[in-house]
PDB file of N, CA and C in Angstrom:
ATOM      1  N   MET A   1       8.576  24.550  -4.643  1.00  0.00           N
ATOM      2  CA  MET A   1       8.471  23.369  -5.476  1.00  0.00           C
ATOM      3  C   MET A   1       9.679  22.462  -5.228  1.00  0.00           C
ATOM      4  N   LYS A   2       9.406  21.164  -5.274  1.00  0.00           N
ATOM      5  CA  LYS A   2      10.464  20.170  -5.144  1.00  0.00           C
ATOM      6  C   LYS A   2      10.307  19.155  -6.268  1.00  0.00           C
ATOM      7  N   ILE A   3      11.416  18.674  -6.787  1.00  0.00           N
ATOM      8  CA  ILE A   3      11.406  17.635  -7.805  1.00  0.00           C
ATOM      9  C   ILE A   3      12.332  16.518  -7.346  1.00  0.00           C
ATOM     10  N   GLU A   4      11.836  15.305  -7.394  1.00  0.00           N
ATOM     11  CA  GLU A   4      12.630  14.126  -7.041  1.00  0.00           C
ATOM     12  C   GLU A   4      12.556  13.126  -8.187  1.00  0.00           C
ATOM     13  N   LYS A   5      13.554  12.298  -8.320  1.00  0.00           N
ATOM     14  CA  LYS A   5      13.598  11.240  -9.327  1.00  0.00           C
ATOM     15  C   LYS A   5      13.182   9.925  -8.683  1.00  0.00           C
ATOM     16  N   ILE A   6      12.065   9.362  -9.128  1.00  0.00           N
ATOM     17  CA  ILE A   6      11.599   8.095  -8.560  1.00  0.00           C
ATOM     18  C   ILE A   6      12.639   6.995  -8.754  1.00  0.00           C
ATOM     19  N   ALA A   7      13.316   6.998  -9.883  1.00  0.00           N
ATOM     20  CA  ALA A   7      14.325   5.952 -10.154  1.00  0.00           C
ATOM     21  C   ALA A   7      15.400   5.926  -9.070  1.00  0.00           C
ATOM     22  N   ASP A   8      15.706   7.082  -8.480  1.00  0.00           N
ATOM     23  CA  ASP A   8      16.700   7.142  -7.404  1.00  0.00           C
ATOM     24  C   ASP A   8      16.199   6.478  -6.124  1.00  0.00           C
ATOM     25  N   LYS A   9      14.897   6.314  -6.008  1.00  0.00           N
ATOM     26  CA  LYS A   9      14.281   5.732  -4.810  1.00  0.00           C
ATOM     27  C   LYS A   9      13.993   4.244  -4.968  1.00  0.00           C
ATOM     28  N   MET A  10      14.248   3.706  -6.156  1.00  0.00           N
ATOM     29  CA  MET A  10      14.002   2.288  -6.412  1.00  0.00           C
ATOM     30  C   MET A  10      15.270   1.502  -6.105  1.00  0.00           C
ATOM     31  N   VAL A  11      15.440   1.225  -4.807  1.00  0.00           N
ATOM     32  CA  VAL A  11      16.632   0.564  -4.271  1.00  0.00           C
ATOM     33  C   VAL A  11      16.180  -0.703  -3.560  1.00  0.00           C
ATOM     34  N   TYR A  12      16.789  -1.829  -3.910  1.00  0.00           N
ATOM     35  CA  TYR A  12      16.362  -3.123  -3.384  1.00  0.00           C
ATOM     36  C   TYR A  12      17.438  -3.715  -2.479  1.00  0.00           C
ATOM     37  N   SER A  13      16.982  -4.528  -1.516  1.00  0.00           N
ATOM     38  CA  SER A  13      17.888  -5.203  -0.591  1.00  0.00           C
ATOM     39  C   SER A  13      17.473  -6.666  -0.488  1.00  0.00           C
ATOM     40  N   ASP A  14      18.439  -7.553  -0.507  1.00  0.00           N
ATOM     41  CA  ASP A  14      18.140  -8.971  -0.346  1.00  0.00           C
ATOM     42  C   ASP A  14      17.646  -9.285   1.074  1.00  0.00           C
ATOM     43  N   ASP A  15      17.987  -8.434   2.040  1.00  0.00           N
ATOM     44  CA  ASP A  15      17.657  -8.699   3.436  1.00  0.00           C
ATOM     45  C   ASP A  15      16.230  -8.331   3.818  1.00  0.00           C
ATOM     46  N   ASN A  16      15.715  -7.237   3.239  1.00  0.00           N
ATOM     47  CA  ASN A  16      14.403  -6.732   3.647  1.00  0.00           C
ATOM     48  C   ASN A  16      13.903  -5.752   2.602  1.00  0.00           C
ATOM     49  N   LEU A  17      12.613  -5.457   2.638  1.00  0.00           N
ATOM     50  CA  LEU A  17      12.081  -4.417   1.770  1.00  0.00           C
ATOM     51  C   LEU A  17      12.765  -3.097   2.090  1.00  0.00           C
ATOM     52  N   THR A  18      12.725  -2.148   1.159  1.00  0.00           N
ATOM     53  CA  THR A  18      13.232  -0.808   1.455  1.00  0.00           C
ATOM     54  C   THR A  18      12.105   0.197   1.286  1.00  0.00           C
ATOM     55  N   LYS A  19      12.211   1.267   2.036  1.00  0.00           N
ATOM     56  CA  LYS A  19      11.248   2.368   1.984  1.00  0.00           C
ATOM     57  C   LYS A  19      12.054   3.639   1.856  1.00  0.00           C
ATOM     58  N   LYS A  20      11.889   4.351   0.752  1.00  0.00           N
ATOM     59  CA  LYS A  20      12.647   5.562   0.476  1.00  0.00           C
ATOM     60  C   LYS A  20      11.700   6.749   0.408  1.00  0.00           C
ATOM     61  N   ILE A  21      11.875   7.679   1.334  1.00  0.00           N
ATOM     62  CA  ILE A  21      11.008   8.854   1.442  1.00  0.00           C
ATOM     63  C   ILE A  21      11.243   9.793   0.263  1.00  0.00           C
ATOM     64  N   ILE A  22      10.142  10.284  -0.318  1.00  0.00           N
ATOM     65  CA  ILE A  22      10.217  11.302  -1.362  1.00  0.00           C
ATOM     66  C   ILE A  22       9.844  12.648  -0.762  1.00  0.00           C
ATOM     67  N   PHE A  23       8.609  12.763  -0.251  1.00  0.00           N
ATOM     68  CA  PHE A  23       8.168  14.007   0.382  1.00  0.00           C
ATOM     69  C   PHE A  23       7.587  13.703   1.753  1.00  0.00           C
ATOM     70  N   ASN A  24       8.037  14.449   2.760  1.00  0.00           N
ATOM     71  CA  ASN A  24       7.536  14.322   4.119  1.00  0.00           C
ATOM     72  C   ASN A  24       7.104  15.709   4.561  1.00  0.00           C
ATOM     73  N   GLU A  25       5.837  16.001   4.326  1.00  0.00           N
ATOM     74  CA  GLU A  25       5.294  17.328   4.615  1.00  0.00           C
ATOM     75  C   GLU A  25       4.201  17.214   5.680  1.00  0.00           C
ATOM     76  N   ASN A  26       3.750  18.350   6.184  1.00  0.00           N
ATOM     77  CA  ASN A  26       2.722  18.340   7.221  1.00  0.00           C
ATOM     78  C   ASN A  26       1.459  17.604   6.789  1.00  0.00           C
ATOM     79  N   ARG A  27       1.024  17.802   5.545  1.00  0.00           N
ATOM     80  CA  ARG A  27      -0.248  17.234   5.105  1.00  0.00           C
ATOM     81  C   ARG A  27      -0.128  15.949   4.304  1.00  0.00           C
ATOM     82  N   VAL A  28       1.081  15.606   3.870  1.00  0.00           N
ATOM     83  CA  VAL A  28       1.227  14.416   3.033  1.00  0.00           C
ATOM     84  C   VAL A  28       2.593  13.758   3.242  1.00  0.00           C
ATOM     85  N   LEU A  29       2.580  12.430   3.213  1.00  0.00           N
ATOM     86  CA  LEU A  29       3.809  11.646   3.254  1.00  0.00           C
ATOM     87  C   LEU A  29       3.827  10.806   1.987  1.00  0.00           C
ATOM     88  N   ASN A  30       4.960  10.800   1.295  1.00  0.00           N
ATOM     89  CA  ASN A  30       5.092  10.082   0.027  1.00  0.00           C
ATOM     90  C   ASN A  30       6.418   9.341   0.018  1.00  0.00           C
ATOM     91  N   PHE A  31       6.379   8.076  -0.407  1.00  0.00           N
ATOM     92  CA  PHE A  31       7.596   7.276  -0.440  1.00  0.00           C
ATOM     93  C   PHE A  31       7.456   6.171  -1.481  1.00  0.00           C
ATOM     94  N   VAL A  32       8.562   5.468  -1.726  1.00  0.00           N
ATOM     95  CA  VAL A  32       8.567   4.308  -2.602  1.00  0.00           C
ATOM     96  C   VAL A  32       8.917   3.088  -1.759  1.00  0.00           C
ATOM     97  N   LEU A  33       8.076   2.062  -1.860  1.00  0.00           N
ATOM     98  CA  LEU A  33       8.360   0.771  -1.234  1.00  0.00           C
ATOM     99  C   LEU A  33       8.931  -0.148  -2.299  1.00  0.00           C
ATOM    100  N   ASN A  34      10.020  -0.831  -1.963  1.00  0.00           N
ATOM    101  CA  ASN A  34      10.709  -1.707  -2.907  1.00  0.00           C
ATOM    102  C   ASN A  34      10.818  -3.109  -2.318  1.00  0.00           C
ATOM    103  N   PHE A  35      10.380  -4.100  -3.091  1.00  0.00           N
ATOM    104  CA  PHE A  35      10.339  -5.483  -2.627  1.00  0.00           C
ATOM    105  C   PHE A  35      11.069  -6.406  -3.592  1.00  0.00           C
ATOM    106  N   LYS A  36      11.929  -7.241  -3.078  1.00  0.00           N
ATOM    107  CA  LYS A  36      12.452  -8.372  -3.832  1.00  0.00           C
ATOM    108  C   LYS A  36      11.349  -9.445  -3.781  1.00  0.00           C
ATOM    109  N   PRO A  37      11.391 -10.438  -4.666  1.00  0.00           N
ATOM    110  CA  PRO A  37      10.390 -11.502  -4.614  1.00  0.00           C
ATOM    111  C   PRO A  37      10.294 -12.125  -3.216  1.00  0.00           C
ATOM    112  N   GLY A  38       9.060 -12.295  -2.759  1.00  0.00           N
ATOM    113  CA  GLY A  38       8.800 -12.880  -1.450  1.00  0.00           C
ATOM    114  C   GLY A  38       8.721 -11.890  -0.304  1.00  0.00           C
ATOM    115  N   GLN A  39       9.213 -10.668  -0.491  1.00  0.00           N
ATOM    116  CA  GLN A  39       9.170  -9.667   0.577  1.00  0.00           C
ATOM    117  C   GLN A  39       7.801  -8.986   0.615  1.00  0.00           C
ATOM    118  N   GLY A  40       7.437  -8.469   1.790  1.00  0.00           N
ATOM    119  CA  GLY A  40       6.153  -7.792   1.921  1.00  0.00           C
ATOM    120  C   GLY A  40       6.019  -7.056   3.232  1.00  0.00           C
ATOM    121  N   VAL A  41       4.842  -6.466   3.424  1.00  0.00           N
ATOM    122  CA  VAL A  41       4.511  -5.794   4.681  1.00  0.00           C
ATOM    123  C   VAL A  41       3.343  -6.543   5.313  1.00  0.00           C
ATOM    124  N   PRO A  42       3.374  -6.713   6.642  1.00  0.00           N
ATOM    125  CA  PRO A  42       2.313  -7.452   7.330  1.00  0.00           C
ATOM    126  C   PRO A  42       1.021  -6.634   7.400  1.00  0.00           C
ATOM    127  N   PRO A  43      -0.081  -7.278   7.763  1.00  0.00           N
ATOM    128  CA  PRO A  43      -1.361  -6.564   7.880  1.00  0.00           C
ATOM    129  C   PRO A  43      -1.273  -5.408   8.877  1.00  0.00           C
ATOM    130  N   HIS A  44      -1.777  -4.251   8.447  1.00  0.00           N
ATOM    131  CA  HIS A  44      -1.850  -3.075   9.310  1.00  0.00           C
ATOM    132  C   HIS A  44      -2.768  -2.052   8.655  1.00  0.00           C
ATOM    133  N   ASN A  45      -3.018  -0.959   9.358  1.00  0.00           N
ATOM    134  CA  ASN A  45      -3.780   0.143   8.761  1.00  0.00           C
ATOM    135  C   ASN A  45      -3.101   1.456   9.112  1.00  0.00           C
ATOM    136  N   HIS A  46      -3.651   2.529   8.598  1.00  0.00           N
ATOM    137  CA  HIS A  46      -3.069   3.851   8.841  1.00  0.00           C
ATOM    138  C   HIS A  46      -4.086   4.791   9.479  1.00  0.00           C
ATOM    139  N   GLU A  47      -4.907   4.215  10.359  1.00  0.00           N
ATOM    140  CA  GLU A  47      -5.855   4.959  11.173  1.00  0.00           C
ATOM    141  C   GLU A  47      -6.627   6.018  10.383  1.00  0.00           C
ATOM    142  N   GLN A  48      -6.244   7.271  10.527  1.00  0.00           N
ATOM    143  CA  GLN A  48      -6.968   8.395   9.928  1.00  0.00           C
ATOM    144  C   GLN A  48      -6.425   8.836   8.572  1.00  0.00           C
ATOM    145  N   SER A  49      -5.462   8.118   8.022  1.00  0.00           N
ATOM    146  CA  SER A  49      -4.836   8.519   6.758  1.00  0.00           C
ATOM    147  C   SER A  49      -5.282   7.625   5.613  1.00  0.00           C
ATOM    148  N   ASP A  50      -5.680   8.231   4.509  1.00  0.00           N
ATOM    149  CA  ASP A  50      -5.949   7.460   3.301  1.00  0.00           C
ATOM    150  C   ASP A  50      -4.624   7.032   2.684  1.00  0.00           C
ATOM    151  N   LEU A  51      -4.644   5.899   2.012  1.00  0.00           N
ATOM    152  CA  LEU A  51      -3.467   5.319   1.390  1.00  0.00           C
ATOM    153  C   LEU A  51      -3.724   5.175  -0.101  1.00  0.00           C
ATOM    154  N   ILE A  52      -2.776   5.656  -0.897  1.00  0.00           N
ATOM    155  CA  ILE A  52      -2.826   5.454  -2.334  1.00  0.00           C
ATOM    156  C   ILE A  52      -1.523   4.775  -2.741  1.00  0.00           C
ATOM    157  N   ILE A  53      -1.648   3.664  -3.467  1.00  0.00           N
ATOM    158  CA  ILE A  53      -0.487   2.911  -3.937  1.00  0.00           C
ATOM    159  C   ILE A  53      -0.561   2.800  -5.447  1.00  0.00           C
ATOM    160  N   HIS A  54       0.531   3.156  -6.119  1.00  0.00           N
ATOM    161  CA  HIS A  54       0.653   2.993  -7.565  1.00  0.00           C
ATOM    162  C   HIS A  54       1.784   1.995  -7.800  1.00  0.00           C
ATOM    163  N   VAL A  55       1.481   0.875  -8.427  1.00  0.00           N
ATOM    164  CA  VAL A  55       2.491  -0.141  -8.704  1.00  0.00           C
ATOM    165  C   VAL A  55       3.318   0.330  -9.904  1.00  0.00           C
ATOM    166  N   LEU A  56       4.589   0.609  -9.648  1.00  0.00           N
ATOM    167  CA  LEU A  56       5.483   1.115 -10.700  1.00  0.00           C
ATOM    168  C   LEU A  56       6.041  -0.015 -11.557  1.00  0.00           C
ATOM    169  N   VAL A  57       6.507  -1.075 -10.909  1.00  0.00           N
ATOM    170  CA  VAL A  57       7.041  -2.256 -11.601  1.00  0.00           C
ATOM    171  C   VAL A  57       6.719  -3.485 -10.766  1.00  0.00           C
ATOM    172  N   GLY A  58       6.593  -4.617 -11.455  1.00  0.00           N
ATOM    173  CA  GLY A  58       6.395  -5.877 -10.770  1.00  0.00           C
ATOM    174  C   GLY A  58       4.934  -6.210 -10.551  1.00  0.00           C
ATOM    175  N   LYS A  59       4.725  -7.253  -9.743  1.00  0.00           N
ATOM    176  CA  LYS A  59       3.374  -7.671  -9.407  1.00  0.00           C
ATOM    177  C   LYS A  59       3.381  -8.303  -8.030  1.00  0.00           C
ATOM    178  N   GLY A  60       2.195  -8.362  -7.456  1.00  0.00           N
ATOM    179  CA  GLY A  60       2.114  -8.921  -6.123  1.00  0.00           C
ATOM    180  C   GLY A  60       0.695  -9.177  -5.697  1.00  0.00           C
ATOM    181  N   ASP A  61       0.535  -9.338  -4.400  1.00  0.00           N
ATOM    182  CA  ASP A  61      -0.762  -9.601  -3.804  1.00  0.00           C
ATOM    183  C   ASP A  61      -1.013  -8.555  -2.731  1.00  0.00           C
ATOM    184  N   MET A  62      -2.193  -7.955  -2.770  1.00  0.00           N
ATOM    185  CA  MET A  62      -2.592  -7.000  -1.745  1.00  0.00           C
ATOM    186  C   MET A  62      -3.884  -7.521  -1.132  1.00  0.00           C
ATOM    187  N   THR A  63      -3.845  -7.730   0.169  1.00  0.00           N
ATOM    188  CA  THR A  63      -5.029  -8.178   0.883  1.00  0.00           C
ATOM    189  C   THR A  63      -5.590  -6.993   1.653  1.00  0.00           C
ATOM    190  N   VAL A  64      -6.869  -6.716   1.450  1.00  0.00           N
ATOM    191  CA  VAL A  64      -7.544  -5.608   2.119  1.00  0.00           C
ATOM    192  C   VAL A  64      -8.766  -6.161   2.837  1.00  0.00           C
ATOM    193  N   ASP A  65      -8.796  -5.978   4.163  1.00  0.00           N
ATOM    194  CA  ASP A  65      -9.889  -6.481   4.994  1.00  0.00           C
ATOM    195  C   ASP A  65     -10.222  -7.936   4.671  1.00  0.00           C
ATOM    196  N   GLY A  66      -9.167  -8.761   4.502  1.00  0.00           N
ATOM    197  CA  GLY A  66      -9.333 -10.193   4.316  1.00  0.00           C
ATOM    198  C   GLY A  66      -9.548 -10.654   2.886  1.00  0.00           C
ATOM    199  N   THR A  67      -9.678  -9.731   1.936  1.00  0.00           N
ATOM    200  CA  THR A  67      -9.873 -10.106   0.540  1.00  0.00           C
ATOM    201  C   THR A  67      -8.589  -9.870  -0.238  1.00  0.00           C
ATOM    202  N   SER A  68      -8.122 -10.909  -0.919  1.00  0.00           N
ATOM    203  CA  SER A  68      -6.868 -10.847  -1.659  1.00  0.00           C
ATOM    204  C   SER A  68      -7.101 -10.341  -3.086  1.00  0.00           C
ATOM    205  N   HIS A  69      -6.184  -9.484  -3.554  1.00  0.00           N
ATOM    206  CA  HIS A  69      -6.257  -8.918  -4.897  1.00  0.00           C
ATOM    207  C   HIS A  69      -4.888  -9.026  -5.546  1.00  0.00           C
ATOM    208  N   GLU A  70      -4.845  -9.513  -6.784  1.00  0.00           N
ATOM    209  CA  GLU A  70      -3.597  -9.506  -7.535  1.00  0.00           C
ATOM    210  C   GLU A  70      -3.395  -8.104  -8.093  1.00  0.00           C
ATOM    211  N   ILE A  71      -2.205  -7.546  -7.883  1.00  0.00           N
ATOM    212  CA  ILE A  71      -1.905  -6.208  -8.394  1.00  0.00           C
ATOM    213  C   ILE A  71      -0.664  -6.291  -9.274  1.00  0.00           C
ATOM    214  N   SER A  72      -0.577  -5.370 -10.230  1.00  0.00           N
ATOM    215  CA  SER A  72       0.568  -5.385 -11.140  1.00  0.00           C
ATOM    216  C   SER A  72       0.838  -3.976 -11.659  1.00  0.00           C
ATOM    217  N   LYS A  73       1.944  -3.842 -12.376  1.00  0.00           N
ATOM    218  CA  LYS A  73       2.394  -2.567 -12.922  1.00  0.00           C
ATOM    219  C   LYS A  73       1.232  -1.780 -13.522  1.00  0.00           C
ATOM    220  N   GLY A  74       1.131  -0.522 -13.094  1.00  0.00           N
ATOM    221  CA  GLY A  74       0.096   0.360 -13.600  1.00  0.00           C
ATOM    222  C   GLY A  74      -1.144   0.442 -12.732  1.00  0.00           C
ATOM    223  N   ASP A  75      -1.337  -0.509 -11.826  1.00  0.00           N
ATOM    224  CA  ASP A  75      -2.505  -0.475 -10.950  1.00  0.00           C
ATOM    225  C   ASP A  75      -2.361   0.639  -9.908  1.00  0.00           C
ATOM    226  N   VAL A  76      -3.483   1.272  -9.594  1.00  0.00           N
ATOM    227  CA  VAL A  76      -3.532   2.284  -8.536  1.00  0.00           C
ATOM    228  C   VAL A  76      -4.613   1.850  -7.549  1.00  0.00           C
ATOM    229  N   ILE A  77      -4.254   1.800  -6.272  1.00  0.00           N
ATOM    230  CA  ILE A  77      -5.142   1.301  -5.240  1.00  0.00           C
ATOM    231  C   ILE A  77      -5.367   2.395  -4.197  1.00  0.00           C
ATOM    232  N   HIS A  78      -6.606   2.538  -3.743  1.00  0.00           N
ATOM    233  CA  HIS A  78      -6.940   3.486  -2.675  1.00  0.00           C
ATOM    234  C   HIS A  78      -7.531   2.708  -1.509  1.00  0.00           C
ATOM    235  N   CYS A  79      -6.971   2.889  -0.313  1.00  0.00           N
ATOM    236  CA  CYS A  79      -7.502   2.296   0.909  1.00  0.00           C
ATOM    237  C   CYS A  79      -7.814   3.410   1.891  1.00  0.00           C
ATOM    238  N   LYS A  80      -8.952   3.297   2.542  1.00  0.00           N
ATOM    239  CA  LYS A  80      -9.284   4.246   3.611  1.00  0.00           C
ATOM    240  C   LYS A  80      -8.524   3.850   4.859  1.00  0.00           C
ATOM    241  N   GLY A  81      -8.308   4.792   5.742  1.00  0.00           N
ATOM    242  CA  GLY A  81      -7.458   4.583   6.906  1.00  0.00           C
ATOM    243  C   GLY A  81      -7.789   3.393   7.762  1.00  0.00           C
ATOM    244  N   ALA A  82      -9.076   3.076   7.941  1.00  0.00           N
ATOM    245  CA  ALA A  82      -9.464   1.979   8.813  1.00  0.00           C
ATOM    246  C   ALA A  82      -9.276   0.610   8.177  1.00  0.00           C
ATOM    247  N   GLU A  83      -9.132   0.544   6.855  1.00  0.00           N
ATOM    248  CA  GLU A  83      -8.997  -0.737   6.184  1.00  0.00           C
ATOM    249  C   GLU A  83      -7.640  -1.374   6.511  1.00  0.00           C
ATOM    250  N   ILE A  84      -7.663  -2.650   6.843  1.00  0.00           N
ATOM    251  CA  ILE A  84      -6.435  -3.381   7.166  1.00  0.00           C
ATOM    252  C   ILE A  84      -5.919  -4.029   5.889  1.00  0.00           C
ATOM    253  N   PHE A  85      -4.646  -3.763   5.584  1.00  0.00           N
ATOM    254  CA  PHE A  85      -4.078  -4.272   4.341  1.00  0.00           C
ATOM    255  C   PHE A  85      -2.699  -4.875   4.580  1.00  0.00           C
ATOM    256  N   SER A  86      -2.318  -5.760   3.669  1.00  0.00           N
ATOM    257  CA  SER A  86      -0.956  -6.279   3.601  1.00  0.00           C
ATOM    258  C   SER A  86      -0.569  -6.296   2.134  1.00  0.00           C
ATOM    259  N   LEU A  87       0.725  -6.342   1.881  1.00  0.00           N
ATOM    260  CA  LEU A  87       1.231  -6.273   0.517  1.00  0.00           C
ATOM    261  C   LEU A  87       2.437  -7.187   0.410  1.00  0.00           C
ATOM    262  N   LYS A  88       2.480  -7.999  -0.662  1.00  0.00           N
ATOM    263  CA  LYS A  88       3.593  -8.926  -0.840  1.00  0.00           C
ATOM    264  C   LYS A  88       3.927  -9.067  -2.320  1.00  0.00           C
ATOM    265  N   ASN A  89       5.232  -9.104  -2.610  1.00  0.00           N
ATOM    266  CA  ASN A  89       5.690  -9.371  -3.967  1.00  0.00           C
ATOM    267  C   ASN A  89       5.591 -10.869  -4.195  1.00  0.00           C
ATOM    268  N   THR A  90       4.650 -11.272  -5.049  1.00  0.00           N
ATOM    269  CA  THR A  90       4.456 -12.690  -5.350  1.00  0.00           C
ATOM    270  C   THR A  90       5.030 -13.063  -6.715  1.00  0.00           C
ATOM    271  N   GLY A  91       5.671 -12.096  -7.370  1.00  0.00           N
ATOM    272  CA  GLY A  91       6.244 -12.346  -8.687  1.00  0.00           C
ATOM    273  C   GLY A  91       7.677 -12.837  -8.612  1.00  0.00           C
ATOM    274  N   ASN A  92       8.284 -12.981  -9.778  1.00  0.00           N
ATOM    275  CA  ASN A  92       9.677 -13.419  -9.883  1.00  0.00           C
ATOM    276  C   ASN A  92      10.644 -12.266 -10.076  1.00  0.00           C
ATOM    277  N   GLU A  93      10.122 -11.037 -10.172  1.00  0.00           N
ATOM    278  CA  GLU A  93      10.943  -9.847 -10.385  1.00  0.00           C
ATOM    279  C   GLU A  93      10.710  -8.857  -9.250  1.00  0.00           C
ATOM    280  N   ASP A  94      11.584  -7.865  -9.154  1.00  0.00           N
ATOM    281  CA  ASP A  94      11.432  -6.826  -8.139  1.00  0.00           C
ATOM    282  C   ASP A  94      10.126  -6.070  -8.353  1.00  0.00           C
ATOM    283  N   MET A  95       9.564  -5.564  -7.256  1.00  0.00           N
ATOM    284  CA  MET A  95       8.338  -4.760  -7.304  1.00  0.00           C
ATOM    285  C   MET A  95       8.589  -3.455  -6.562  1.00  0.00           C
ATOM    286  N   SER A  96       8.152  -2.340  -7.151  1.00  0.00           N
ATOM    287  CA  SER A  96       8.216  -1.033  -6.502  1.00  0.00           C
ATOM    288  C   SER A  96       6.847  -0.379  -6.552  1.00  0.00           C
ATOM    289  N   CYS A  97       6.481   0.276  -5.445  1.00  0.00           N
ATOM    290  CA  CYS A  97       5.197   0.953  -5.344  1.00  0.00           C
ATOM    291  C   CYS A  97       5.400   2.389  -4.863  1.00  0.00           C
ATOM    292  N   PHE A  98       4.750   3.320  -5.545  1.00  0.00           N
ATOM    293  CA  PHE A  98       4.724   4.734  -5.183  1.00  0.00           C
ATOM    294  C   PHE A  98       3.562   4.889  -4.204  1.00  0.00           C
ATOM    295  N   VAL A  99       3.836   5.357  -2.992  1.00  0.00           N
ATOM    296  CA  VAL A  99       2.846   5.389  -1.921  1.00  0.00           C
ATOM    297  C   VAL A  99       2.612   6.823  -1.449  1.00  0.00           C
ATOM    298  N   VAL A 100       1.340   7.160  -1.241  1.00  0.00           N
ATOM    299  CA  VAL A 100       0.953   8.457  -0.690  1.00  0.00           C
ATOM    300  C   VAL A 100       0.073   8.202   0.520  1.00  0.00           C
ATOM    301  N   LEU A 101       0.387   8.835   1.656  1.00  0.00           N
ATOM    302  CA  LEU A 101      -0.453   8.827   2.847  1.00  0.00           C
ATOM    303  C   LEU A 101      -0.877  10.258   3.136  1.00  0.00           C
ATOM    304  N   ALA A 102      -2.193  10.463   3.235  1.00  0.00           N
ATOM    305  CA  ALA A 102      -2.689  11.809   3.528  1.00  0.00           C
ATOM    306  C   ALA A 102      -3.917  11.692   4.432  1.00  0.00           C
ATOM    307  N   PRO A 103      -3.974  12.448   5.529  1.00  0.00           N
ATOM    308  CA  PRO A 103      -2.897  13.316   5.989  1.00  0.00           C
ATOM    309  C   PRO A 103      -1.707  12.500   6.491  1.00  0.00           C
ATOM    310  N   ASN A 104      -0.586  13.172   6.622  1.00  0.00           N
ATOM    311  CA  ASN A 104       0.636  12.532   7.096  1.00  0.00           C
ATOM    312  C   ASN A 104       0.378  11.950   8.481  1.00  0.00           C
ATOM    313  N   PRO A 105       0.546  10.621   8.647  1.00  0.00           N
ATOM    314  CA  PRO A 105       0.308  10.006   9.948  1.00  0.00           C
ATOM    315  C   PRO A 105       1.429  10.283  10.929  1.00  0.00           C
ATOM    316  N   SER A 106       1.468   9.520  11.981  1.00  0.00           N
ATOM    317  CA  SER A 106       2.471   9.715  13.019  1.00  0.00           C
ATOM    318  C   SER A 106       3.887   9.587  12.455  1.00  0.00           C
ATOM    319  N   PRO A 107       4.873  10.208  13.118  1.00  0.00           N
ATOM    320  CA  PRO A 107       6.258  10.195  12.641  1.00  0.00           C
ATOM    321  C   PRO A 107       6.852   8.803  12.436  1.00  0.00           C
ATOM    322  N   VAL A 108       6.277   7.771  13.067  1.00  0.00           N
ATOM    323  CA  VAL A 108       6.822   6.432  12.922  1.00  0.00           C
ATOM    324  C   VAL A 108       6.792   5.974  11.467  1.00  0.00           C
ATOM    325  N   TYR A 109       5.831   6.449  10.683  1.00  0.00           N
ATOM    326  CA  TYR A 109       5.742   6.068   9.269  1.00  0.00           C
ATOM    327  C   TYR A 109       6.663   6.887   8.383  1.00  0.00           C
ATOM    328  N   SER A 110       7.269   7.922   8.931  1.00  0.00           N
ATOM    329  CA  SER A 110       8.102   8.837   8.151  1.00  0.00           C
ATOM    330  C   SER A 110       9.573   8.434   8.116  1.00  0.00           C
ATOM    331  N   LYS A 111       9.885   7.237   8.597  1.00  0.00           N
ATOM    332  CA  LYS A 111      11.278   6.787   8.631  1.00  0.00           C
ATOM    333  C   LYS A 111      11.582   5.856   7.474  1.00  0.00           C
ATOM    334  N   GLU A 112      12.773   6.014   6.910  1.00  0.00           N
ATOM    335  CA  GLU A 112      13.205   5.135   5.842  1.00  0.00           C
ATOM    336  C   GLU A 112      13.630   3.782   6.397  1.00  0.00           C
ATOM    337  N   ILE A 113      13.492   2.778   5.559  1.00  0.00           N
ATOM    338  CA  ILE A 113      13.967   1.433   5.897  1.00  0.00           C
ATOM    339  C   ILE A 113      14.993   1.063   4.861  1.00  0.00           C
TER     340      ILE A 113
END
């Protein structure tokens, strides 16, 4: 068993979004993405891995396969691996998202930013 504090992973940078790994296991990758207003991730997908995002604080815009959705604190989103998505903090406050990828994709996604 492992226990981590999400609050310790909610770290923001004026220069770029941050990604703080919580669990990096064979079958699952889990991390927190942290965005200052205006920061985001460009359109991409995770091939064979399902994506689950839980918005911890803040609000933003998530575009999935060309359709834009407003997301905010408390929302939980599920994307299948082939779906192309982007995520951006469109609010005036910091935004943090708890992210789960399963199965764990290639090692390139397992690096902190």
